[in-house]
Amino acid sequence: MLGTMIGDIVGSSFERSAVPMKNRDFTWFGPGSHFTDDTVTTVAVAAALLEGKQSHCGYIDPLRRHLRYWCRKYPHCGYGRLFEQWFLADQGAPYGSYGNGAAMRVAPAAWAGSSLDEVQALAELTAVVSHDHPEAVKGAVAVASAVYLARTGKTKDEIRTYVQQYFYPLNRTIDEIRPGYQFTSAAAQSVPEAIEAFLDSVDFSDAIRNAVSLGGDTDTQAAMAGAIAEAYFGVPAELWQKAQTYIPADMQKIILSFRQEFMEQKK
């Protein structure tokens, strides 16, 4: 989850740049760095999973309420138009989005679940409250599965094989993807690239650099790659300390509570 937020903040400077980022040599935490909808919605999912566990009353209602609460509290963070309409409405059904908005916020589900089956079920729940298109759900479940496999000690080859078997072909390296890659928020064309950014990396920072260097949806792809890289490599303390300076105190409170409840005993 920390990796999601670091990737989001680092990638935020380069999203929709007039000249797309196409290299790995860039400044982290530059003047334009900020948290975006990736961080806000991840915090909302974490808060909902905490409430759902404590209340024993299920997760769907907490997910709807917390997504609406946190997104309304932090508006103007780069939300898609249809998602913004969804969270501003007091009631509203999912709207068929095939975007990566569910995959970018799914990391908490990968830590809250105690088995791959449970993680995948939670991931689907966190998606379908708003993003109920099969491609959006597939992207969320794929990212959550990769995070779970990484945190439970699977090798990169094992993670790649699993993703290829159940989700995406993953048949191009980052260096092969980068030259012709263009911005898209479609899950089918951004989630597998983010997973590859992790698989082609040698450490946490390398995964973030790979994701940003694609020059696409830089904050979201770095958030997804960062989520998996955190589970596999861990997060360097100095990077999280720097990222925290961008994150409001109320969000940090949720992050701390979630880590204490779900993550510390699972490291």
C-alpha atoms as a PDB file:
ATOM      1  CA  MET A   1       0.000   0.000   0.000  1.00  0.00           C
ATOM      2  CA  LEU A   2       2.892   2.341   0.714  1.00  0.00           C
ATOM      3  CA  GLY A   3       4.294   1.441  -2.684  1.00  0.00           C
ATOM      4  CA  THR A   4       1.027   2.520  -4.300  1.00  0.00           C
ATOM      5  CA  MET A   5       1.304   5.975  -2.763  1.00  0.00           C
ATOM      6  CA  ILE A   6       4.993   6.450  -3.495  1.00  0.00           C
ATOM      7  CA  GLY A   7       4.417   5.460  -7.112  1.00  0.00           C
ATOM      8  CA  ASP A   8       1.440   7.792  -7.335  1.00  0.00           C
ATOM      9  CA  ILE A   9       3.328  10.788  -5.979  1.00  0.00           C
ATOM     10  CA  VAL A  10       6.448  10.161  -8.060  1.00  0.00           C
ATOM     11  CA  GLY A  11       4.467   9.562 -11.238  1.00  0.00           C
ATOM     12  CA  SER A  12       2.178  12.558 -10.729  1.00  0.00           C
ATOM     13  CA  SER A  13       4.719  15.007 -12.139  1.00  0.00           C
ATOM     14  CA  PHE A  14       4.775  13.317 -15.526  1.00  0.00           C
ATOM     15  CA  GLU A  15       1.155  12.418 -16.281  1.00  0.00           C
ATOM     16  CA  ARG A  16      -0.091  13.944 -19.531  1.00  0.00           C
ATOM     17  CA  SER A  17       3.198  15.780 -20.006  1.00  0.00           C
ATOM     18  CA  ALA A  18       3.495  17.718 -23.260  1.00  0.00           C
ATOM     19  CA  VAL A  19       6.539  15.578 -23.978  1.00  0.00           C
ATOM     20  CA  PRO A  20       5.845  12.081 -22.628  1.00  0.00           C
ATOM     21  CA  MET A  21       8.463  10.663 -20.292  1.00  0.00           C
ATOM     22  CA  LYS A  22      10.372   7.976 -22.171  1.00  0.00           C
ATOM     23  CA  ASN A  23      13.429   7.397 -20.023  1.00  0.00           C
ATOM     24  CA  ARG A  24      14.299   6.226 -16.543  1.00  0.00           C
ATOM     25  CA  ASP A  25      16.444   9.224 -15.610  1.00  0.00           C
ATOM     26  CA  PHE A  26      14.105  11.664 -13.856  1.00  0.00           C
ATOM     27  CA  THR A  27      13.792  13.541 -10.578  1.00  0.00           C
ATOM     28  CA  TRP A  28      11.747  11.958  -7.815  1.00  0.00           C
ATOM     29  CA  PHE A  29       9.524  14.209  -5.689  1.00  0.00           C
ATOM     30  CA  GLY A  30       9.969  17.222  -7.922  1.00  0.00           C
ATOM     31  CA  PRO A  31       8.135  20.558  -7.706  1.00  0.00           C
ATOM     32  CA  GLY A  32       5.025  19.161  -9.374  1.00  0.00           C
ATOM     33  CA  SER A  33       4.729  16.068  -7.203  1.00  0.00           C
ATOM     34  CA  HIS A  34       1.462  15.507  -5.335  1.00  0.00           C
ATOM     35  CA  PHE A  35      -0.901  12.728  -4.341  1.00  0.00           C
ATOM     36  CA  THR A  36      -3.718  11.986  -6.758  1.00  0.00           C
ATOM     37  CA  ASP A  37      -6.893   9.919  -6.955  1.00  0.00           C
ATOM     38  CA  ASP A  38      -4.778   6.756  -6.721  1.00  0.00           C
ATOM     39  CA  THR A  39      -3.807   7.595  -3.135  1.00  0.00           C
ATOM     40  CA  VAL A  40      -7.221   8.901  -2.102  1.00  0.00           C
ATOM     41  CA  THR A  41      -9.090   5.832  -3.324  1.00  0.00           C
ATOM     42  CA  THR A  42      -6.492   3.448  -1.862  1.00  0.00           C
ATOM     43  CA  VAL A  43      -6.963   5.065   1.534  1.00  0.00           C
ATOM     44  CA  ALA A  44     -10.738   4.746   1.082  1.00  0.00           C
ATOM     45  CA  VAL A  45     -10.451   1.032   0.314  1.00  0.00           C
ATOM     46  CA  ALA A  46      -8.175   0.516   3.313  1.00  0.00           C
ATOM     47  CA  ALA A  47     -10.661   2.303   5.584  1.00  0.00           C
ATOM     48  CA  ALA A  48     -13.539   0.233   4.209  1.00  0.00           C
ATOM     49  CA  LEU A  49     -11.727  -3.060   4.713  1.00  0.00           C
ATOM     50  CA  LEU A  50     -10.882  -2.076   8.276  1.00  0.00           C
ATOM     51  CA  GLU A  51     -14.519  -1.239   8.976  1.00  0.00           C
ATOM     52  CA  GLY A  52     -15.788  -4.369   7.287  1.00  0.00           C
ATOM     53  CA  LYS A  53     -13.551  -6.608   9.349  1.00  0.00           C
ATOM     54  CA  GLN A  54     -14.408  -4.896  12.618  1.00  0.00           C
ATOM     55  CA  SER A  55     -18.167  -4.749  12.037  1.00  0.00           C
ATOM     56  CA  HIS A  56     -18.596  -8.226  10.507  1.00  0.00           C
ATOM     57  CA  CYS A  57     -21.316  -6.675   8.326  1.00  0.00           C
ATOM     58  CA  GLY A  58     -19.663  -7.092   4.940  1.00  0.00           C
ATOM     59  CA  TYR A  59     -17.653  -4.793   2.715  1.00  0.00           C
ATOM     60  CA  ILE A  60     -19.903  -3.434  -0.038  1.00  0.00           C
ATOM     61  CA  ASP A  61     -21.573  -0.699   2.002  1.00  0.00           C
ATOM     62  CA  PRO A  62     -18.311   0.448   3.652  1.00  0.00           C
ATOM     63  CA  LEU A  63     -16.621   0.535   0.250  1.00  0.00           C
ATOM     64  CA  ARG A  64     -19.333   2.752  -1.222  1.00  0.00           C
ATOM     65  CA  ARG A  65     -19.375   5.069   1.795  1.00  0.00           C
ATOM     66  CA  HIS A  66     -15.632   5.435   2.204  1.00  0.00           C
ATOM     67  CA  LEU A  67     -14.980   5.971  -1.481  1.00  0.00           C
ATOM     68  CA  ARG A  68     -17.614   8.722  -1.505  1.00  0.00           C
ATOM     69  CA  TYR A  69     -16.403  10.218   1.767  1.00  0.00           C
ATOM     70  CA  TRP A  70     -12.703  10.396   0.932  1.00  0.00           C
ATOM     71  CA  CYS A  71     -13.150  11.478  -2.667  1.00  0.00           C
ATOM     72  CA  ARG A  72     -15.518  14.263  -1.633  1.00  0.00           C
ATOM     73  CA  LYS A  73     -13.087  15.313   1.078  1.00  0.00           C
ATOM     74  CA  TYR A  74     -10.247  15.473  -1.449  1.00  0.00           C
ATOM     75  CA  PRO A  75     -11.812  16.593  -4.743  1.00  0.00           C
ATOM     76  CA  HIS A  76      -9.867  17.778  -7.796  1.00  0.00           C
ATOM     77  CA  CYS A  77      -7.327  14.954  -7.543  1.00  0.00           C
ATOM     78  CA  GLY A  78      -7.586  13.774 -11.119  1.00  0.00           C
ATOM     79  CA  TYR A  79     -10.710  11.631 -10.957  1.00  0.00           C
ATOM     80  CA  GLY A  80     -12.300  10.462 -14.164  1.00  0.00           C
ATOM     81  CA  ARG A  81     -15.513  12.262 -15.104  1.00  0.00           C
ATOM     82  CA  LEU A  82     -17.811   9.267 -14.647  1.00  0.00           C
ATOM     83  CA  PHE A  83     -16.222   8.246 -11.361  1.00  0.00           C
ATOM     84  CA  GLU A  84     -16.596  11.803 -10.104  1.00  0.00           C
ATOM     85  CA  GLN A  85     -20.292  11.705 -10.976  1.00  0.00           C
ATOM     86  CA  TRP A  86     -20.527   8.396  -9.105  1.00  0.00           C
ATOM     87  CA  PHE A  87     -18.943   9.602  -5.864  1.00  0.00           C
ATOM     88  CA  LEU A  88     -20.797  12.926  -5.866  1.00  0.00           C
ATOM     89  CA  ALA A  89     -24.139  11.114  -6.063  1.00  0.00           C
ATOM     90  CA  ASP A  90     -25.590   9.894  -2.769  1.00  0.00           C
ATOM     91  CA  GLN A  91     -26.788   6.757  -4.516  1.00  0.00           C
ATOM     92  CA  GLY A  92     -25.559   5.264  -7.720  1.00  0.00           C
ATOM     93  CA  ALA A  93     -24.936   1.972  -9.439  1.00  0.00           C
ATOM     94  CA  PRO A  94     -21.612   0.979 -10.951  1.00  0.00           C
ATOM     95  CA  TYR A  95     -21.251   2.490 -14.386  1.00  0.00           C
ATOM     96  CA  GLY A  96     -19.476  -0.048 -16.560  1.00  0.00           C
ATOM     97  CA  SER A  97     -16.010   1.490 -16.515  1.00  0.00           C
ATOM     98  CA  TYR A  98     -13.227  -0.555 -18.110  1.00  0.00           C
ATOM     99  CA  GLY A  99     -10.566   1.807 -16.749  1.00  0.00           C
ATOM    100  CA  ASN A 100      -7.712   1.134 -14.339  1.00  0.00           C
ATOM    101  CA  GLY A 101      -9.400   2.962 -11.441  1.00  0.00           C
ATOM    102  CA  ALA A 102     -10.156  -0.294  -9.639  1.00  0.00           C
ATOM    103  CA  ALA A 103      -6.674  -1.756 -10.171  1.00  0.00           C
ATOM    104  CA  MET A 104      -4.943   1.340  -8.826  1.00  0.00           C
ATOM    105  CA  ARG A 105      -6.742   1.187  -5.469  1.00  0.00           C
ATOM    106  CA  VAL A 106      -6.752  -2.583  -4.900  1.00  0.00           C
ATOM    107  CA  ALA A 107      -3.527  -3.086  -2.913  1.00  0.00           C
ATOM    108  CA  PRO A 108      -5.213  -3.142   0.530  1.00  0.00           C
ATOM    109  CA  ALA A 109      -7.267  -6.169  -0.562  1.00  0.00           C
ATOM    110  CA  ALA A 110      -4.056  -8.083  -1.243  1.00  0.00           C
ATOM    111  CA  TRP A 111      -2.969  -7.588   2.367  1.00  0.00           C
ATOM    112  CA  ALA A 112      -6.362  -7.999   4.044  1.00  0.00           C
ATOM    113  CA  GLY A 113      -6.956 -11.446   2.561  1.00  0.00           C
ATOM    114  CA  SER A 114      -5.351 -14.491   4.135  1.00  0.00           C
ATOM    115  CA  SER A 115      -5.415 -16.686   1.019  1.00  0.00           C
ATOM    116  CA  LEU A 116      -5.270 -16.132  -2.721  1.00  0.00           C
ATOM    117  CA  ASP A 117      -8.955 -16.994  -3.043  1.00  0.00           C
ATOM    118  CA  GLU A 118      -9.897 -14.487  -0.349  1.00  0.00           C
ATOM    119  CA  VAL A 119      -7.670 -11.795  -1.854  1.00  0.00           C
ATOM    120  CA  GLN A 120      -9.261 -12.273  -5.260  1.00  0.00           C
ATOM    121  CA  ALA A 121     -12.768 -12.142  -3.807  1.00  0.00           C
ATOM    122  CA  LEU A 122     -11.956  -8.946  -1.908  1.00  0.00           C
ATOM    123  CA  ALA A 123     -10.340  -7.437  -4.996  1.00  0.00           C
ATOM    124  CA  GLU A 124     -13.475  -8.067  -7.006  1.00  0.00           C
ATOM    125  CA  LEU A 125     -15.628  -6.458  -4.315  1.00  0.00           C
ATOM    126  CA  THR A 126     -13.426  -3.351  -4.226  1.00  0.00           C
ATOM    127  CA  ALA A 127     -13.842  -3.045  -7.990  1.00  0.00           C
ATOM    128  CA  VAL A 128     -17.504  -3.727  -8.666  1.00  0.00           C
ATOM    129  CA  VAL A 129     -18.922  -0.993  -6.434  1.00  0.00           C
ATOM    130  CA  SER A 130     -17.993   1.410  -9.233  1.00  0.00           C
ATOM    131  CA  HIS A 131     -15.958  -0.373 -11.935  1.00  0.00           C
ATOM    132  CA  ASP A 132     -18.017  -3.419 -12.911  1.00  0.00           C
ATOM    133  CA  HIS A 133     -16.763  -3.946 -16.465  1.00  0.00           C
ATOM    134  CA  PRO A 134     -15.031  -7.346 -16.774  1.00  0.00           C
ATOM    135  CA  GLU A 135     -11.756  -5.729 -17.869  1.00  0.00           C
ATOM    136  CA  ALA A 136     -11.714  -3.411 -14.843  1.00  0.00           C
ATOM    137  CA  VAL A 137     -12.423  -6.307 -12.483  1.00  0.00           C
ATOM    138  CA  LYS A 138      -9.803  -8.440 -14.224  1.00  0.00           C
ATOM    139  CA  GLY A 139      -7.198  -5.698 -13.790  1.00  0.00           C
ATOM    140  CA  ALA A 140      -7.941  -5.296 -10.089  1.00  0.00           C
ATOM    141  CA  VAL A 141      -7.835  -9.035  -9.440  1.00  0.00           C
ATOM    142  CA  ALA A 142      -4.606  -9.373 -11.441  1.00  0.00           C
ATOM    143  CA  VAL A 143      -2.810  -6.675  -9.453  1.00  0.00           C
ATOM    144  CA  ALA A 144      -4.091  -8.007  -6.138  1.00  0.00           C
ATOM    145  CA  SER A 145      -3.025 -11.535  -7.091  1.00  0.00           C
ATOM    146  CA  ALA A 146       0.473 -10.350  -8.001  1.00  0.00           C
ATOM    147  CA  VAL A 147       0.783  -8.471  -4.699  1.00  0.00           C
ATOM    148  CA  TYR A 148      -0.386 -11.506  -2.737  1.00  0.00           C
ATOM    149  CA  LEU A 149       1.983 -13.860  -4.551  1.00  0.00           C
ATOM    150  CA  ALA A 150       4.863 -11.438  -4.017  1.00  0.00           C
ATOM    151  CA  ARG A 151       4.211 -11.017  -0.307  1.00  0.00           C
ATOM    152  CA  THR A 152       3.921 -14.778   0.214  1.00  0.00           C
ATOM    153  CA  GLY A 153       7.352 -15.502  -1.227  1.00  0.00           C
ATOM    154  CA  LYS A 154       6.697 -16.478  -4.836  1.00  0.00           C
ATOM    155  CA  THR A 155       9.478 -15.803  -7.321  1.00  0.00           C
ATOM    156  CA  LYS A 156       9.108 -13.439 -10.251  1.00  0.00           C
ATOM    157  CA  ASP A 157       8.987 -16.397 -12.607  1.00  0.00           C
ATOM    158  CA  GLU A 158       6.143 -17.890 -10.595  1.00  0.00           C
ATOM    159  CA  ILE A 159       4.274 -14.577 -10.556  1.00  0.00           C
ATOM    160  CA  ARG A 160       4.765 -14.147 -14.306  1.00  0.00           C
ATOM    161  CA  THR A 161       3.544 -17.677 -14.993  1.00  0.00           C
ATOM    162  CA  TYR A 162       0.441 -17.168 -12.872  1.00  0.00           C
ATOM    163  CA  VAL A 163      -0.449 -13.840 -14.486  1.00  0.00           C
ATOM    164  CA  GLN A 164       0.116 -15.296 -17.957  1.00  0.00           C
ATOM    165  CA  GLN A 165      -2.064 -18.296 -17.188  1.00  0.00           C
ATOM    166  CA  TYR A 166      -5.028 -16.393 -15.769  1.00  0.00           C
ATOM    167  CA  PHE A 167      -4.846 -12.752 -16.882  1.00  0.00           C
ATOM    168  CA  TYR A 168      -2.438 -11.341 -19.494  1.00  0.00           C
ATOM    169  CA  PRO A 169       0.165 -12.695 -21.956  1.00  0.00           C
ATOM    170  CA  LEU A 170       3.067 -10.508 -20.693  1.00  0.00           C
ATOM    171  CA  ASN A 171       5.049 -11.196 -23.848  1.00  0.00           C
ATOM    172  CA  ARG A 172       7.011  -7.936 -24.153  1.00  0.00           C
ATOM    173  CA  THR A 173       9.723  -6.400 -21.991  1.00  0.00           C
ATOM    174  CA  ILE A 174       9.542  -2.807 -20.786  1.00  0.00           C
ATOM    175  CA  ASP A 175      12.190  -1.827 -23.343  1.00  0.00           C
ATOM    176  CA  GLU A 176      10.012  -3.327 -26.072  1.00  0.00           C
ATOM    177  CA  ILE A 177       6.839  -1.662 -24.804  1.00  0.00           C
ATOM    178  CA  ARG A 178       8.225   1.821 -24.173  1.00  0.00           C
ATOM    179  CA  PRO A 179       8.913   3.271 -27.669  1.00  0.00           C
ATOM    180  CA  GLY A 180       5.379   3.066 -29.041  1.00  0.00           C
ATOM    181  CA  TYR A 181       3.429   3.192 -25.820  1.00  0.00           C
ATOM    182  CA  GLN A 182       0.871   5.983 -25.439  1.00  0.00           C
ATOM    183  CA  PHE A 183      -1.315   7.266 -22.630  1.00  0.00           C
ATOM    184  CA  THR A 184      -4.354   5.178 -21.818  1.00  0.00           C
ATOM    185  CA  SER A 185      -6.335   4.580 -18.665  1.00  0.00           C
ATOM    186  CA  ALA A 186      -7.942   1.411 -20.049  1.00  0.00           C
ATOM    187  CA  ALA A 187      -7.186  -1.460 -17.711  1.00  0.00           C
ATOM    188  CA  ALA A 188      -6.426  -3.918 -20.505  1.00  0.00           C
ATOM    189  CA  GLN A 189      -3.713  -1.651 -21.928  1.00  0.00           C
ATOM    190  CA  SER A 190      -2.201  -0.337 -18.682  1.00  0.00           C
ATOM    191  CA  VAL A 191      -2.388  -3.031 -16.003  1.00  0.00           C
ATOM    192  CA  PRO A 192      -0.230  -5.644 -17.775  1.00  0.00           C
ATOM    193  CA  GLU A 193       2.360  -2.974 -18.553  1.00  0.00           C
ATOM    194  CA  ALA A 194       2.496  -2.012 -14.872  1.00  0.00           C
ATOM    195  CA  ILE A 195       2.942  -5.651 -13.881  1.00  0.00           C
ATOM    196  CA  GLU A 196       5.750  -5.952 -16.419  1.00  0.00           C
ATOM    197  CA  ALA A 197       7.372  -2.851 -14.923  1.00  0.00           C
ATOM    198  CA  PHE A 198       7.658  -4.781 -11.675  1.00  0.00           C
ATOM    199  CA  LEU A 199       8.757  -8.032 -13.291  1.00  0.00           C
ATOM    200  CA  ASP A 200      11.551  -6.264 -15.201  1.00  0.00           C
ATOM    201  CA  SER A 201      12.871  -4.521 -12.073  1.00  0.00           C
ATOM    202  CA  VAL A 202      15.798  -5.263  -9.769  1.00  0.00           C
ATOM    203  CA  ASP A 203      14.528  -3.342  -6.730  1.00  0.00           C
ATOM    204  CA  PHE A 204      11.654  -1.150  -5.573  1.00  0.00           C
ATOM    205  CA  SER A 205      12.944   2.063  -7.117  1.00  0.00           C
ATOM    206  CA  ASP A 206      13.658   0.303 -10.397  1.00  0.00           C
ATOM    207  CA  ALA A 207      10.026  -0.799 -10.660  1.00  0.00           C
ATOM    208  CA  ILE A 208       8.832   2.795 -10.243  1.00  0.00           C
ATOM    209  CA  ARG A 209      11.311   4.038 -12.826  1.00  0.00           C
ATOM    210  CA  ASN A 210      10.187   1.368 -15.289  1.00  0.00           C
ATOM    211  CA  ALA A 211       6.541   2.319 -14.887  1.00  0.00           C
ATOM    212  CA  VAL A 212       7.080   6.075 -15.220  1.00  0.00           C
ATOM    213  CA  SER A 213       9.413   5.613 -18.194  1.00  0.00           C
ATOM    214  CA  LEU A 214       6.570   4.212 -20.292  1.00  0.00           C
ATOM    215  CA  GLY A 215       5.218   7.746 -20.583  1.00  0.00           C
ATOM    216  CA  GLY A 216       1.616   6.641 -20.200  1.00  0.00           C
ATOM    217  CA  ASP A 217      -0.698   6.990 -17.204  1.00  0.00           C
ATOM    218  CA  THR A 218       2.409   7.561 -15.137  1.00  0.00           C
ATOM    219  CA  ASP A 219       0.962   8.006 -11.663  1.00  0.00           C
ATOM    220  CA  THR A 220      -1.393   5.037 -11.899  1.00  0.00           C
ATOM    221  CA  GLN A 221       1.057   2.677 -13.563  1.00  0.00           C
ATOM    222  CA  ALA A 222       3.714   3.569 -10.997  1.00  0.00           C
ATOM    223  CA  ALA A 223       1.125   3.079  -8.245  1.00  0.00           C
ATOM    224  CA  MET A 224       0.294  -0.423  -9.491  1.00  0.00           C
ATOM    225  CA  ALA A 225       3.918  -1.397 -10.066  1.00  0.00           C
ATOM    226  CA  GLY A 226       4.820   0.087  -6.686  1.00  0.00           C
ATOM    227  CA  ALA A 227       2.167  -1.980  -4.921  1.00  0.00           C
ATOM    228  CA  ILE A 228       3.655  -5.222  -6.235  1.00  0.00           C
ATOM    229  CA  ALA A 229       7.245  -4.069  -5.727  1.00  0.00           C
ATOM    230  CA  GLU A 230       6.532  -3.222  -2.085  1.00  0.00           C
ATOM    231  CA  ALA A 231       5.295  -6.750  -1.464  1.00  0.00           C
ATOM    232  CA  TYR A 232       8.331  -8.273  -3.190  1.00  0.00           C
ATOM    233  CA  PHE A 233      11.220  -5.962  -2.273  1.00  0.00           C
ATOM    234  CA  GLY A 234       9.905  -3.881   0.617  1.00  0.00           C
ATOM    235  CA  VAL A 235       9.906  -0.082   0.619  1.00  0.00           C
ATOM    236  CA  PRO A 236      13.076   1.866   1.415  1.00  0.00           C
ATOM    237  CA  ALA A 237      12.423   3.817   4.608  1.00  0.00           C
ATOM    238  CA  GLU A 238      13.737   7.075   3.194  1.00  0.00           C
ATOM    239  CA  LEU A 239      11.294   6.953   0.283  1.00  0.00           C
ATOM    240  CA  TRP A 240       8.301   6.466   2.549  1.00  0.00           C
ATOM    241  CA  GLN A 241       9.510   9.220   4.884  1.00  0.00           C
ATOM    242  CA  LYS A 242       9.643  11.596   1.934  1.00  0.00           C
ATOM    243  CA  ALA A 243       6.273  10.481   0.560  1.00  0.00           C
ATOM    244  CA  GLN A 244       4.642  11.036   3.949  1.00  0.00           C
ATOM    245  CA  THR A 245       5.357  14.747   3.689  1.00  0.00           C
ATOM    246  CA  TYR A 246       2.798  14.876   0.848  1.00  0.00           C
ATOM    247  CA  ILE A 247       0.071  12.891   2.607  1.00  0.00           C
ATOM    248  CA  PRO A 248      -2.442  14.558   4.977  1.00  0.00           C
ATOM    249  CA  ALA A 249      -2.615  13.493   8.618  1.00  0.00           C
ATOM    250  CA  ASP A 250      -6.083  11.954   8.340  1.00  0.00           C
ATOM    251  CA  MET A 251      -4.919   9.678   5.536  1.00  0.00           C
ATOM    252  CA  GLN A 252      -1.813   8.738   7.485  1.00  0.00           C
ATOM    253  CA  LYS A 253      -4.002   7.683  10.401  1.00  0.00           C
ATOM    254  CA  ILE A 254      -5.877   5.207   8.188  1.00  0.00           C
ATOM    255  CA  ILE A 255      -2.630   3.945   6.697  1.00  0.00           C
ATOM    256  CA  LEU A 256      -1.151   3.305  10.144  1.00  0.00           C
ATOM    257  CA  SER A 257      -4.276   1.527  11.384  1.00  0.00           C
ATOM    258  CA  PHE A 258      -4.409  -0.661   8.292  1.00  0.00           C
ATOM    259  CA  ARG A 259      -0.739  -1.584   8.528  1.00  0.00           C
ATOM    260  CA  GLN A 260      -1.117  -2.513  12.174  1.00  0.00           C
ATOM    261  CA  GLU A 261      -4.214  -4.608  11.493  1.00  0.00           C
ATOM    262  CA  PHE A 262      -3.250  -6.371   8.291  1.00  0.00           C
ATOM    263  CA  MET A 263       0.361  -5.885   7.280  1.00  0.00           C
ATOM    264  CA  GLU A 264       2.786  -5.981  10.172  1.00  0.00           C
ATOM    265  CA  GLN A 265       2.058  -9.585  11.100  1.00  0.00           C
ATOM    266  CA  LYS A 266       2.263 -10.654   7.447  1.00  0.00           C
ATOM    267  CA  LYS A 267       5.716  -9.367   6.583  1.00  0.00           C
END
